[in-house]
């Protein structure tokens, strides 16, 4: 494997524990719009996709634009529900100290993604943040990753994509990066079904892989 120069991280379920931040927003949205409340297992199946697509799958009878507005309104008022995993800060610090370029690549809106990264004390570790509004296509399309790599001035073969959903792994494969699946996020152990190059249980486990 070529020496890794850049680490591209998904945010929700990878760096930040956003289980309650996401699921409570969904449950609130279903209630407000009088829609059947889906189980968290059902919601987990669509995690990683753009928000409108999630709601099209979960509540095809609703207006996805209105549902997304309600969802994002809840999240903007409940940023405290997004917290870093226990080893996130130390992992980013070690990568930064080793000279690795770091990017966050998320389908979440810039408004809440930047704020939750800032509140978690990790925003300063990122050389680049690519949010949902920054590209035409979202993961699993490779465009968000390729945008991050252009800004970092790093070739795909010298980068790794780290994420907890199928969309993250497929985006990495399409972009030409190595991939690391995190089993502690929204897709849990099912991440192995996406066939990432590596599977880890804790975000700290990226260190021996990246810093070979």
N, C-alpha and C. Protein backbone atom coordinates (compact mmCIF):
# COMPACT_ATOMS: atom_id res chain seq x y z
N UNK A 1 0.83 -1.19 0.00
CA UNK A 1 0.00 0.00 0.00
C UNK A 1 0.87 1.25 0.00
N UNK A 2 0.53 2.22 -0.87
CA UNK A 2 1.28 3.46 -0.90
C UNK A 2 1.16 4.18 0.44
N UNK A 3 2.18 4.92 0.80
CA UNK A 3 2.15 5.65 2.07
C UNK A 3 0.98 6.63 2.06
N UNK A 4 0.18 6.58 3.10
CA UNK A 4 -1.00 7.43 3.20
C UNK A 4 -0.60 8.86 3.56
N UNK A 5 -1.13 9.82 2.80
CA UNK A 5 -0.85 11.23 3.06
C UNK A 5 -2.08 11.99 3.52
N UNK A 6 -3.28 11.40 3.30
CA UNK A 6 -4.51 12.10 3.67
C UNK A 6 -5.55 11.12 4.20
N UNK A 7 -6.24 11.55 5.25
CA UNK A 7 -7.32 10.76 5.83
C UNK A 7 -8.62 11.55 5.67
N UNK A 8 -9.59 10.93 4.98
CA UNK A 8 -10.89 11.55 4.77
C UNK A 8 -11.89 10.86 5.71
N UNK A 9 -12.49 11.62 6.60
CA UNK A 9 -13.39 11.05 7.60
C UNK A 9 -14.84 11.44 7.34
N UNK A 10 -15.72 10.45 7.38
CA UNK A 10 -17.13 10.74 7.55
C UNK A 10 -17.29 11.33 8.95
N UNK A 11 -18.39 12.02 9.20
CA UNK A 11 -18.59 12.65 10.51
C UNK A 11 -19.54 11.84 11.39
N UNK A 12 -20.80 11.75 10.98
CA UNK A 12 -21.82 11.10 11.82
C UNK A 12 -21.60 9.59 11.91
N UNK A 13 -21.43 9.11 13.13
CA UNK A 13 -21.22 7.68 13.35
C UNK A 13 -19.78 7.24 13.19
N UNK A 14 -18.92 8.18 12.78
CA UNK A 14 -17.50 7.86 12.60
C UNK A 14 -16.65 8.64 13.60
N UNK A 15 -16.71 9.96 13.52
CA UNK A 15 -16.00 10.81 14.47
C UNK A 15 -16.90 11.23 15.63
N UNK A 16 -18.16 11.48 15.30
CA UNK A 16 -19.11 11.94 16.31
C UNK A 16 -20.19 10.89 16.55
N UNK A 17 -20.50 10.68 17.81
CA UNK A 17 -21.63 9.81 18.16
C UNK A 17 -22.90 10.65 18.01
N UNK A 18 -23.59 10.46 16.90
CA UNK A 18 -24.77 11.27 16.60
C UNK A 18 -26.04 10.42 16.56
N UNK A 19 -26.03 9.29 17.24
CA UNK A 19 -27.19 8.41 17.25
C UNK A 19 -28.44 9.17 17.69
N UNK A 20 -28.39 9.81 18.84
CA UNK A 20 -29.55 10.55 19.34
C UNK A 20 -29.81 11.81 18.53
N UNK A 21 -28.77 12.46 18.08
CA UNK A 21 -28.88 13.67 17.26
C UNK A 21 -29.67 13.39 15.98
N UNK A 22 -29.43 12.24 15.39
CA UNK A 22 -30.09 11.87 14.14
C UNK A 22 -31.45 11.22 14.39
N UNK A 23 -31.47 10.19 15.24
CA UNK A 23 -32.71 9.45 15.43
C UNK A 23 -33.80 10.28 16.11
N UNK A 24 -33.42 11.10 17.10
CA UNK A 24 -34.43 11.94 17.73
C UNK A 24 -34.99 12.97 16.75
N UNK A 25 -34.14 13.45 15.84
CA UNK A 25 -34.62 14.39 14.82
C UNK A 25 -35.61 13.72 13.89
N UNK A 26 -35.34 12.47 13.52
CA UNK A 26 -36.26 11.71 12.68
C UNK A 26 -37.59 11.48 13.40
N UNK A 27 -37.51 11.04 14.64
CA UNK A 27 -38.72 10.74 15.40
C UNK A 27 -39.57 11.99 15.61
N UNK A 28 -38.92 13.10 15.89
CA UNK A 28 -39.61 14.38 16.02
C UNK A 28 -40.31 14.75 14.72
N UNK A 29 -39.60 14.57 13.61
CA UNK A 29 -40.15 14.92 12.29
C UNK A 29 -41.37 14.07 11.96
N UNK A 30 -41.28 12.78 12.22
CA UNK A 30 -42.44 11.91 11.98
C UNK A 30 -43.65 12.38 12.79
N UNK A 31 -43.41 12.72 14.06
CA UNK A 31 -44.53 13.14 14.92
C UNK A 31 -45.15 14.45 14.43
N UNK A 32 -44.31 15.42 14.12
CA UNK A 32 -44.80 16.73 13.70
C UNK A 32 -45.67 16.63 12.45
N UNK A 33 -45.28 15.75 11.55
CA UNK A 33 -46.00 15.64 10.27
C UNK A 33 -47.04 14.51 10.28
N UNK A 34 -47.28 13.92 11.44
CA UNK A 34 -48.30 12.90 11.55
C UNK A 34 -48.02 11.65 10.75
N UNK A 35 -46.76 11.29 10.65
CA UNK A 35 -46.35 10.12 9.88
C UNK A 35 -46.02 8.96 10.81
N UNK A 36 -46.17 7.73 10.33
CA UNK A 36 -45.79 6.58 11.16
C UNK A 36 -44.33 6.68 11.59
N UNK A 37 -44.07 6.44 12.85
CA UNK A 37 -42.69 6.51 13.35
C UNK A 37 -42.00 5.19 13.06
N UNK A 38 -40.91 5.27 12.32
CA UNK A 38 -40.14 4.08 11.96
C UNK A 38 -39.26 3.65 13.13
N UNK A 39 -38.96 2.37 13.17
CA UNK A 39 -38.05 1.87 14.20
C UNK A 39 -36.63 2.35 13.88
N UNK A 40 -35.78 2.35 14.89
CA UNK A 40 -34.40 2.76 14.66
C UNK A 40 -33.66 1.78 13.76
N UNK A 41 -34.06 0.52 13.79
CA UNK A 41 -33.45 -0.45 12.87
C UNK A 41 -33.80 -0.10 11.43
N UNK A 42 -35.03 0.33 11.20
CA UNK A 42 -35.43 0.75 9.85
C UNK A 42 -34.67 2.00 9.43
N UNK A 43 -34.52 2.94 10.34
CA UNK A 43 -33.81 4.17 10.02
C UNK A 43 -32.34 3.90 9.74
N UNK A 44 -31.76 2.95 10.45
CA UNK A 44 -30.34 2.63 10.27
C UNK A 44 -30.04 2.18 8.85
N UNK A 45 -31.01 1.56 8.20
CA UNK A 45 -30.79 1.03 6.85
C UNK A 45 -30.53 2.11 5.82
N UNK A 46 -31.01 3.33 6.07
CA UNK A 46 -30.84 4.41 5.09
C UNK A 46 -29.77 5.41 5.50
N UNK A 47 -29.18 5.22 6.67
CA UNK A 47 -28.16 6.15 7.13
C UNK A 47 -26.97 6.19 6.15
N UNK A 48 -26.44 7.39 5.96
CA UNK A 48 -25.34 7.58 5.02
C UNK A 48 -25.78 8.19 3.71
N UNK A 49 -27.09 8.12 3.44
CA UNK A 49 -27.63 8.71 2.23
C UNK A 49 -27.99 10.18 2.48
N UNK A 50 -28.13 11.00 1.41
CA UNK A 50 -28.60 12.37 1.61
C UNK A 50 -29.93 12.37 2.34
N UNK A 51 -30.17 13.41 3.14
CA UNK A 51 -31.33 13.43 4.02
C UNK A 51 -32.65 13.29 3.26
N UNK A 52 -32.79 14.00 2.14
CA UNK A 52 -34.04 13.91 1.37
C UNK A 52 -34.28 12.48 0.89
N UNK A 53 -33.22 11.81 0.49
CA UNK A 53 -33.35 10.43 0.04
C UNK A 53 -33.76 9.53 1.21
N UNK A 54 -33.23 9.81 2.39
CA UNK A 54 -33.62 9.03 3.57
C UNK A 54 -35.12 9.13 3.79
N UNK A 55 -35.64 10.36 3.73
CA UNK A 55 -37.07 10.53 3.98
C UNK A 55 -37.93 10.00 2.84
N UNK A 56 -37.42 10.04 1.63
CA UNK A 56 -38.18 9.43 0.52
C UNK A 56 -38.35 7.93 0.75
N UNK A 57 -37.32 7.31 1.31
CA UNK A 57 -37.38 5.88 1.59
C UNK A 57 -38.23 5.58 2.82
N UNK A 58 -38.09 6.40 3.86
CA UNK A 58 -38.77 6.13 5.12
C UNK A 58 -40.25 6.55 5.09
N UNK A 59 -40.53 7.67 4.44
CA UNK A 59 -41.90 8.21 4.42
C UNK A 59 -42.25 8.72 3.03
N UNK A 60 -42.44 7.82 2.07
CA UNK A 60 -42.72 8.24 0.70
C UNK A 60 -43.99 9.06 0.55
N UNK A 61 -44.88 8.98 1.56
CA UNK A 61 -46.12 9.74 1.49
C UNK A 61 -45.94 11.21 1.90
N UNK A 62 -44.78 11.55 2.46
CA UNK A 62 -44.53 12.91 2.92
C UNK A 62 -43.79 13.75 1.89
N UNK A 63 -43.74 15.04 2.13
CA UNK A 63 -42.97 15.97 1.29
C UNK A 63 -41.53 15.99 1.81
N UNK A 64 -40.58 15.44 1.07
CA UNK A 64 -39.21 15.32 1.60
C UNK A 64 -38.58 16.67 1.94
N UNK A 65 -38.94 17.71 1.19
CA UNK A 65 -38.37 19.03 1.48
C UNK A 65 -38.84 19.53 2.84
N UNK A 66 -40.14 19.42 3.11
CA UNK A 66 -40.67 19.85 4.40
C UNK A 66 -40.13 19.00 5.54
N UNK A 67 -40.03 17.70 5.29
CA UNK A 67 -39.51 16.81 6.33
C UNK A 67 -38.07 17.17 6.69
N UNK A 68 -37.27 17.47 5.68
CA UNK A 68 -35.87 17.85 5.92
C UNK A 68 -35.77 19.16 6.68
N UNK A 69 -36.66 20.10 6.36
CA UNK A 69 -36.65 21.38 7.08
C UNK A 69 -36.94 21.17 8.56
N UNK A 70 -37.92 20.33 8.86
CA UNK A 70 -38.26 20.04 10.25
C UNK A 70 -37.10 19.32 10.95
N UNK A 71 -36.52 18.36 10.26
CA UNK A 71 -35.39 17.59 10.79
C UNK A 71 -34.23 18.52 11.15
N UNK A 72 -33.88 19.39 10.23
CA UNK A 72 -32.73 20.29 10.45
C UNK A 72 -33.04 21.34 11.51
N UNK A 73 -34.29 21.75 11.60
CA UNK A 73 -34.68 22.70 12.64
C UNK A 73 -34.49 22.08 14.02
N UNK A 74 -34.90 20.81 14.17
CA UNK A 74 -34.70 20.11 15.44
C UNK A 74 -33.21 20.03 15.77
N UNK A 75 -32.40 19.65 14.79
CA UNK A 75 -30.97 19.49 15.05
C UNK A 75 -30.31 20.81 15.42
N UNK A 76 -30.71 21.89 14.76
CA UNK A 76 -30.11 23.20 15.06
C UNK A 76 -30.36 23.61 16.51
N UNK A 77 -31.46 23.11 17.09
CA UNK A 77 -31.80 23.45 18.47
C UNK A 77 -31.29 22.41 19.47
N UNK A 78 -30.70 21.33 18.96
CA UNK A 78 -30.27 20.24 19.84
C UNK A 78 -28.86 19.75 19.49
N UNK A 79 -27.97 20.70 19.26
CA UNK A 79 -26.60 20.36 18.88
C UNK A 79 -25.89 19.57 19.97
N UNK A 80 -26.37 19.69 21.21
CA UNK A 80 -25.73 18.99 22.33
C UNK A 80 -25.86 17.48 22.21
N UNK A 81 -26.76 17.01 21.35
CA UNK A 81 -26.94 15.56 21.18
C UNK A 81 -25.83 14.94 20.33
N UNK A 82 -24.99 15.78 19.73
CA UNK A 82 -23.85 15.31 18.94
C UNK A 82 -22.58 15.42 19.78
N UNK A 83 -21.94 14.28 20.05
CA UNK A 83 -20.74 14.28 20.90
C UNK A 83 -19.65 13.42 20.25
N UNK A 84 -18.39 13.75 20.47
CA UNK A 84 -17.32 12.94 19.88
C UNK A 84 -17.20 11.59 20.56
N UNK A 85 -16.81 10.57 19.80
CA UNK A 85 -16.46 9.29 20.41
C UNK A 85 -15.24 9.50 21.30
N UNK A 86 -15.04 8.63 22.25
CA UNK A 86 -14.03 8.84 23.29
C UNK A 86 -12.62 9.02 22.75
N UNK A 87 -12.28 8.36 21.65
CA UNK A 87 -10.91 8.44 21.14
C UNK A 87 -10.75 9.34 19.92
N UNK A 88 -11.80 10.08 19.57
CA UNK A 88 -11.74 10.91 18.37
C UNK A 88 -10.68 11.99 18.44
N UNK A 89 -10.67 12.76 19.50
CA UNK A 89 -9.74 13.88 19.64
C UNK A 89 -8.29 13.41 19.60
N UNK A 90 -7.98 12.38 20.36
CA UNK A 90 -6.61 11.88 20.41
C UNK A 90 -6.18 11.30 19.06
N UNK A 91 -7.09 10.65 18.37
CA UNK A 91 -6.77 10.08 17.06
C UNK A 91 -6.44 11.17 16.05
N UNK A 92 -7.24 12.22 16.02
CA UNK A 92 -6.98 13.33 15.09
C UNK A 92 -5.67 14.02 15.45
N UNK A 93 -5.41 14.16 16.74
CA UNK A 93 -4.16 14.80 17.16
C UNK A 93 -2.94 14.02 16.69
N UNK A 94 -2.99 12.71 16.83
CA UNK A 94 -1.86 11.88 16.40
C UNK A 94 -1.64 11.94 14.90
N UNK A 95 -2.73 11.95 14.15
CA UNK A 95 -2.60 12.05 12.69
C UNK A 95 -2.03 13.41 12.29
N UNK A 96 -2.52 14.46 12.91
CA UNK A 96 -2.03 15.81 12.60
C UNK A 96 -0.55 15.93 12.96
N UNK A 97 -0.16 15.40 14.12
CA UNK A 97 1.24 15.45 14.53
C UNK A 97 2.15 14.69 13.58
N UNK A 98 1.59 13.67 12.92
CA UNK A 98 2.37 12.87 11.97
C UNK A 98 2.40 13.48 10.57
N UNK A 99 1.74 14.63 10.40
CA UNK A 99 1.77 15.31 9.11
C UNK A 99 0.73 14.84 8.12
N UNK A 100 -0.26 14.08 8.60
CA UNK A 100 -1.32 13.61 7.71
C UNK A 100 -2.33 14.73 7.47
N UNK A 101 -2.71 14.95 6.22
CA UNK A 101 -3.77 15.90 5.89
C UNK A 101 -5.11 15.27 6.29
N UNK A 102 -6.00 16.07 6.84
CA UNK A 102 -7.26 15.54 7.36
C UNK A 102 -8.44 16.31 6.78
N UNK A 103 -9.43 15.57 6.29
CA UNK A 103 -10.65 16.19 5.78
C UNK A 103 -11.86 15.52 6.40
N UNK A 104 -12.91 16.29 6.59
CA UNK A 104 -14.22 15.75 6.98
C UNK A 104 -15.10 15.80 5.74
N UNK A 105 -15.73 14.68 5.42
CA UNK A 105 -16.60 14.61 4.24
C UNK A 105 -17.95 14.08 4.69
N UNK A 106 -18.95 14.96 4.71
CA UNK A 106 -20.25 14.61 5.26
C UNK A 106 -21.37 15.02 4.34
N UNK A 107 -22.48 14.29 4.37
CA UNK A 107 -23.67 14.68 3.62
C UNK A 107 -24.51 15.67 4.42
N UNK A 108 -24.15 15.88 5.68
CA UNK A 108 -24.93 16.79 6.53
C UNK A 108 -24.72 18.24 6.09
N UNK A 109 -25.66 19.11 6.41
CA UNK A 109 -25.59 20.51 6.02
C UNK A 109 -24.40 21.20 6.69
N UNK A 110 -23.87 22.21 6.00
CA UNK A 110 -22.72 22.94 6.52
C UNK A 110 -23.04 23.60 7.86
N UNK A 111 -24.27 24.12 8.00
CA UNK A 111 -24.65 24.83 9.21
C UNK A 111 -24.46 23.99 10.46
N UNK A 112 -24.97 22.77 10.47
CA UNK A 112 -24.86 21.96 11.68
C UNK A 112 -23.56 21.16 11.72
N UNK A 113 -23.02 20.77 10.57
CA UNK A 113 -21.79 19.97 10.60
C UNK A 113 -20.63 20.78 11.17
N UNK A 114 -20.47 22.02 10.71
CA UNK A 114 -19.37 22.84 11.23
C UNK A 114 -19.56 23.14 12.71
N UNK A 115 -20.81 23.40 13.09
CA UNK A 115 -21.07 23.76 14.48
C UNK A 115 -20.80 22.58 15.42
N UNK A 116 -21.21 21.37 15.02
CA UNK A 116 -20.98 20.23 15.91
C UNK A 116 -19.50 19.86 15.97
N UNK A 117 -18.79 20.04 14.87
CA UNK A 117 -17.34 19.81 14.90
C UNK A 117 -16.66 20.82 15.82
N UNK A 118 -17.13 22.06 15.76
CA UNK A 118 -16.58 23.11 16.62
C UNK A 118 -16.89 22.84 18.08
N UNK A 119 -18.14 22.50 18.38
CA UNK A 119 -18.54 22.24 19.76
C UNK A 119 -17.80 21.04 20.35
N UNK A 120 -17.41 20.10 19.48
CA UNK A 120 -16.69 18.91 19.93
C UNK A 120 -15.20 19.17 20.13
N UNK A 121 -14.74 20.36 19.75
CA UNK A 121 -13.34 20.71 19.93
C UNK A 121 -12.41 20.12 18.90
N UNK A 122 -12.95 19.71 17.74
CA UNK A 122 -12.09 19.05 16.74
C UNK A 122 -12.05 19.78 15.40
N UNK A 123 -12.80 20.85 15.25
CA UNK A 123 -12.84 21.55 13.95
C UNK A 123 -11.45 21.97 13.48
N UNK A 124 -10.62 22.41 14.41
CA UNK A 124 -9.30 22.90 14.05
C UNK A 124 -8.35 21.85 13.49
N UNK A 125 -8.69 20.58 13.62
CA UNK A 125 -7.82 19.53 13.09
C UNK A 125 -8.03 19.30 11.59
N UNK A 126 -9.07 19.87 11.02
CA UNK A 126 -9.37 19.59 9.61
C UNK A 126 -8.79 20.63 8.69
N UNK A 127 -8.10 20.16 7.67
CA UNK A 127 -7.60 21.04 6.62
C UNK A 127 -8.73 21.42 5.67
N UNK A 128 -9.71 20.54 5.55
CA UNK A 128 -10.84 20.74 4.63
C UNK A 128 -12.08 20.12 5.25
N UNK A 129 -13.23 20.79 5.09
CA UNK A 129 -14.53 20.21 5.45
C UNK A 129 -15.43 20.32 4.23
N UNK A 130 -15.90 19.17 3.75
CA UNK A 130 -16.84 19.14 2.62
C UNK A 130 -18.19 18.72 3.16
N UNK A 131 -19.16 19.63 3.08
CA UNK A 131 -20.51 19.36 3.57
C UNK A 131 -21.47 19.13 2.40
N UNK A 132 -22.73 18.87 2.73
CA UNK A 132 -23.70 18.51 1.72
C UNK A 132 -23.88 19.53 0.61
N UNK A 133 -23.79 20.83 0.96
CA UNK A 133 -24.02 21.88 -0.03
C UNK A 133 -22.84 22.09 -0.99
N UNK A 134 -21.71 21.49 -0.70
CA UNK A 134 -20.49 21.78 -1.45
C UNK A 134 -20.37 21.03 -2.77
N UNK A 135 -21.21 20.04 -3.00
CA UNK A 135 -21.13 19.25 -4.23
C UNK A 135 -22.52 19.01 -4.79
N UNK A 136 -22.57 18.70 -6.07
CA UNK A 136 -23.85 18.35 -6.71
C UNK A 136 -24.29 16.96 -6.26
N UNK A 137 -23.34 16.05 -6.22
CA UNK A 137 -23.62 14.66 -5.86
C UNK A 137 -23.10 14.35 -4.46
N UNK A 138 -23.83 13.50 -3.75
CA UNK A 138 -23.43 13.08 -2.41
C UNK A 138 -22.89 11.65 -2.44
N UNK A 139 -22.19 11.27 -1.37
CA UNK A 139 -21.78 9.87 -1.24
C UNK A 139 -23.01 8.98 -1.39
N UNK A 140 -22.94 7.88 -2.08
CA UNK A 140 -21.75 7.12 -2.50
C UNK A 140 -21.07 7.60 -3.78
N UNK A 141 -21.54 8.68 -4.39
CA UNK A 141 -20.83 9.24 -5.53
C UNK A 141 -19.46 9.74 -5.05
N UNK A 142 -18.43 9.61 -5.86
CA UNK A 142 -17.09 10.02 -5.40
C UNK A 142 -16.84 11.52 -5.37
N UNK A 143 -17.78 12.33 -5.91
CA UNK A 143 -17.52 13.77 -6.02
C UNK A 143 -17.09 14.44 -4.72
N UNK A 144 -17.75 14.19 -3.57
CA UNK A 144 -17.30 14.88 -2.34
C UNK A 144 -15.88 14.52 -1.95
N UNK A 145 -15.49 13.27 -2.16
CA UNK A 145 -14.13 12.86 -1.82
C UNK A 145 -13.13 13.48 -2.77
N UNK A 146 -13.46 13.49 -4.05
CA UNK A 146 -12.54 14.06 -5.03
C UNK A 146 -12.38 15.56 -4.83
N UNK A 147 -13.44 16.22 -4.40
CA UNK A 147 -13.33 17.66 -4.08
C UNK A 147 -12.37 17.86 -2.92
N UNK A 148 -12.52 17.06 -1.87
CA UNK A 148 -11.64 17.18 -0.71
C UNK A 148 -10.18 16.93 -1.12
N UNK A 149 -9.96 15.93 -1.96
CA UNK A 149 -8.60 15.61 -2.38
C UNK A 149 -7.99 16.71 -3.24
N UNK A 150 -8.81 17.33 -4.09
CA UNK A 150 -8.30 18.45 -4.89
C UNK A 150 -7.86 19.60 -3.98
N UNK A 151 -8.67 19.89 -2.98
CA UNK A 151 -8.34 20.97 -2.05
C UNK A 151 -7.10 20.65 -1.23
N UNK A 152 -6.94 19.37 -0.91
CA UNK A 152 -5.76 18.93 -0.15
C UNK A 152 -4.52 18.78 -1.02
N UNK A 153 -4.75 18.70 -2.35
CA UNK A 153 -3.67 18.46 -3.32
C UNK A 153 -3.00 17.10 -3.08
N UNK A 154 -3.86 16.09 -2.85
CA UNK A 154 -3.41 14.73 -2.61
C UNK A 154 -4.07 13.81 -3.62
N UNK A 155 -3.29 12.89 -4.21
CA UNK A 155 -3.85 11.94 -5.18
C UNK A 155 -4.66 10.87 -4.43
N UNK A 156 -5.71 10.34 -5.06
CA UNK A 156 -6.57 9.35 -4.40
C UNK A 156 -5.81 8.14 -3.87
N UNK A 157 -4.82 7.67 -4.62
CA UNK A 157 -4.11 6.46 -4.20
C UNK A 157 -3.27 6.67 -2.94
N UNK A 158 -3.14 7.92 -2.52
CA UNK A 158 -2.40 8.21 -1.29
C UNK A 158 -3.34 8.65 -0.16
N UNK A 159 -4.62 8.33 -0.32
CA UNK A 159 -5.62 8.72 0.68
C UNK A 159 -6.43 7.52 1.13
N UNK A 160 -7.08 7.68 2.27
CA UNK A 160 -7.97 6.64 2.78
C UNK A 160 -9.27 7.29 3.23
N UNK A 161 -10.38 6.65 2.92
CA UNK A 161 -11.70 7.10 3.37
C UNK A 161 -12.13 6.25 4.54
N UNK A 162 -12.52 6.91 5.64
CA UNK A 162 -12.94 6.21 6.84
C UNK A 162 -14.40 6.53 7.12
N UNK A 163 -15.24 5.51 7.21
CA UNK A 163 -16.65 5.76 7.46
C UNK A 163 -17.39 4.55 8.00
N UNK A 164 -18.62 4.80 8.42
CA UNK A 164 -19.40 3.75 9.09
C UNK A 164 -20.57 3.24 8.26
N UNK A 165 -20.74 3.75 7.02
CA UNK A 165 -21.86 3.31 6.19
C UNK A 165 -21.38 2.84 4.82
N UNK A 166 -22.25 2.11 4.16
CA UNK A 166 -21.95 1.62 2.82
C UNK A 166 -21.62 2.77 1.88
N UNK A 167 -22.32 3.89 2.02
CA UNK A 167 -22.08 5.04 1.15
C UNK A 167 -20.64 5.53 1.25
N UNK A 168 -20.09 5.51 2.46
CA UNK A 168 -18.70 5.94 2.65
C UNK A 168 -17.73 5.02 1.91
N UNK A 169 -17.94 3.73 2.07
CA UNK A 169 -17.02 2.76 1.48
C UNK A 169 -17.12 2.76 -0.04
N UNK A 170 -18.34 2.81 -0.56
CA UNK A 170 -18.52 2.84 -2.01
C UNK A 170 -17.93 4.12 -2.61
N UNK A 171 -18.09 5.23 -1.91
CA UNK A 171 -17.51 6.50 -2.39
C UNK A 171 -15.99 6.40 -2.45
N UNK A 172 -15.39 5.80 -1.42
CA UNK A 172 -13.95 5.63 -1.41
C UNK A 172 -13.46 4.75 -2.54
N UNK A 173 -14.15 3.65 -2.76
CA UNK A 173 -13.76 2.75 -3.84
C UNK A 173 -13.88 3.45 -5.19
N UNK A 174 -14.96 4.21 -5.40
CA UNK A 174 -15.16 4.91 -6.66
C UNK A 174 -14.13 6.02 -6.87
N UNK A 175 -13.72 6.64 -5.78
CA UNK A 175 -12.74 7.73 -5.88
C UNK A 175 -11.32 7.21 -6.05
N UNK A 176 -11.09 5.93 -5.73
CA UNK A 176 -9.76 5.36 -5.87
C UNK A 176 -8.92 5.43 -4.61
N UNK A 177 -9.57 5.63 -3.46
CA UNK A 177 -8.83 5.64 -2.19
C UNK A 177 -8.89 4.27 -1.54
N UNK A 178 -8.07 4.06 -0.53
CA UNK A 178 -8.24 2.92 0.35
C UNK A 178 -9.45 3.20 1.24
N UNK A 179 -10.00 2.18 1.85
CA UNK A 179 -11.20 2.36 2.67
C UNK A 179 -11.07 1.65 4.01
N UNK A 180 -11.59 2.31 5.04
CA UNK A 180 -11.65 1.72 6.38
C UNK A 180 -13.09 1.83 6.87
N UNK A 181 -13.69 0.68 7.18
CA UNK A 181 -15.05 0.66 7.71
C UNK A 181 -15.02 0.64 9.22
N UNK A 182 -15.85 1.48 9.83
CA UNK A 182 -15.93 1.57 11.29
C UNK A 182 -17.21 0.88 11.76
N UNK A 183 -17.07 -0.14 12.59
CA UNK A 183 -18.23 -0.94 12.99
C UNK A 183 -18.97 -0.38 14.19
N UNK A 184 -18.51 0.76 14.73
CA UNK A 184 -19.16 1.33 15.91
C UNK A 184 -20.21 2.37 15.55
N UNK A 185 -20.49 2.53 14.24
CA UNK A 185 -21.42 3.56 13.80
C UNK A 185 -22.79 3.02 13.43
N UNK A 186 -23.45 3.72 12.51
CA UNK A 186 -24.85 3.44 12.20
C UNK A 186 -25.07 2.07 11.56
N UNK A 187 -24.14 1.58 10.76
CA UNK A 187 -24.34 0.29 10.12
C UNK A 187 -23.77 -0.88 10.92
N UNK A 188 -23.10 -0.57 12.04
CA UNK A 188 -22.60 -1.62 12.91
C UNK A 188 -21.74 -2.62 12.17
N UNK A 189 -21.87 -3.89 12.53
CA UNK A 189 -21.06 -4.94 11.93
C UNK A 189 -21.40 -5.17 10.46
N UNK A 190 -22.54 -4.63 10.00
CA UNK A 190 -22.91 -4.79 8.59
C UNK A 190 -21.94 -4.09 7.66
N UNK A 191 -21.07 -3.24 8.21
CA UNK A 191 -20.12 -2.52 7.37
C UNK A 191 -19.21 -3.48 6.60
N UNK A 192 -19.03 -4.70 7.12
CA UNK A 192 -18.17 -5.67 6.43
C UNK A 192 -18.76 -6.06 5.07
N UNK A 193 -20.08 -5.94 4.93
CA UNK A 193 -20.74 -6.31 3.68
C UNK A 193 -20.39 -5.37 2.54
N UNK A 194 -19.83 -4.20 2.87
CA UNK A 194 -19.40 -3.25 1.86
C UNK A 194 -17.97 -3.53 1.38
N UNK A 195 -17.31 -4.48 2.03
CA UNK A 195 -15.96 -4.93 1.67
C UNK A 195 -14.91 -3.81 1.69
N UNK A 196 -14.82 -3.09 2.82
CA UNK A 196 -13.73 -2.13 2.94
C UNK A 196 -12.39 -2.85 3.01
N UNK A 197 -11.31 -2.12 2.77
CA UNK A 197 -9.98 -2.72 2.84
C UNK A 197 -9.64 -3.13 4.28
N UNK A 198 -10.16 -2.37 5.23
CA UNK A 198 -9.93 -2.68 6.65
C UNK A 198 -11.23 -2.43 7.40
N UNK A 199 -11.42 -3.16 8.50
CA UNK A 199 -12.56 -2.92 9.39
C UNK A 199 -12.01 -2.71 10.79
N UNK A 200 -12.49 -1.66 11.46
CA UNK A 200 -12.04 -1.36 12.81
C UNK A 200 -13.25 -1.23 13.73
N UNK A 201 -13.02 -1.44 15.02
CA UNK A 201 -14.09 -1.33 16.00
C UNK A 201 -14.07 0.00 16.74
N UNK A 202 -12.91 0.66 16.71
CA UNK A 202 -12.74 1.93 17.43
C UNK A 202 -11.96 2.86 16.52
N UNK A 203 -12.32 4.14 16.53
CA UNK A 203 -11.66 5.09 15.63
C UNK A 203 -10.15 5.15 15.86
N UNK A 204 -9.70 4.86 17.07
CA UNK A 204 -8.26 4.89 17.36
C UNK A 204 -7.50 3.83 16.56
N UNK A 205 -8.21 2.80 16.09
CA UNK A 205 -7.56 1.72 15.34
C UNK A 205 -7.10 2.15 13.96
N UNK A 206 -7.43 3.38 13.54
CA UNK A 206 -6.92 3.85 12.24
C UNK A 206 -5.42 4.17 12.34
N UNK A 207 -4.95 4.44 13.51
CA UNK A 207 -3.55 4.91 13.67
C UNK A 207 -2.53 3.89 13.12
N UNK A 208 -2.55 2.63 13.57
CA UNK A 208 -1.56 1.70 13.03
C UNK A 208 -1.74 1.40 11.54
N UNK A 209 -2.94 1.60 11.00
CA UNK A 209 -3.18 1.38 9.57
C UNK A 209 -2.60 2.53 8.76
N UNK A 210 -2.89 3.76 9.17
CA UNK A 210 -2.47 4.93 8.40
C UNK A 210 -1.00 5.23 8.58
N UNK A 211 -0.50 5.06 9.80
CA UNK A 211 0.90 5.42 10.10
C UNK A 211 1.81 4.20 10.00
N UNK A 212 1.66 3.41 8.93
CA UNK A 212 2.51 2.24 8.72
C UNK A 212 3.96 2.66 8.53
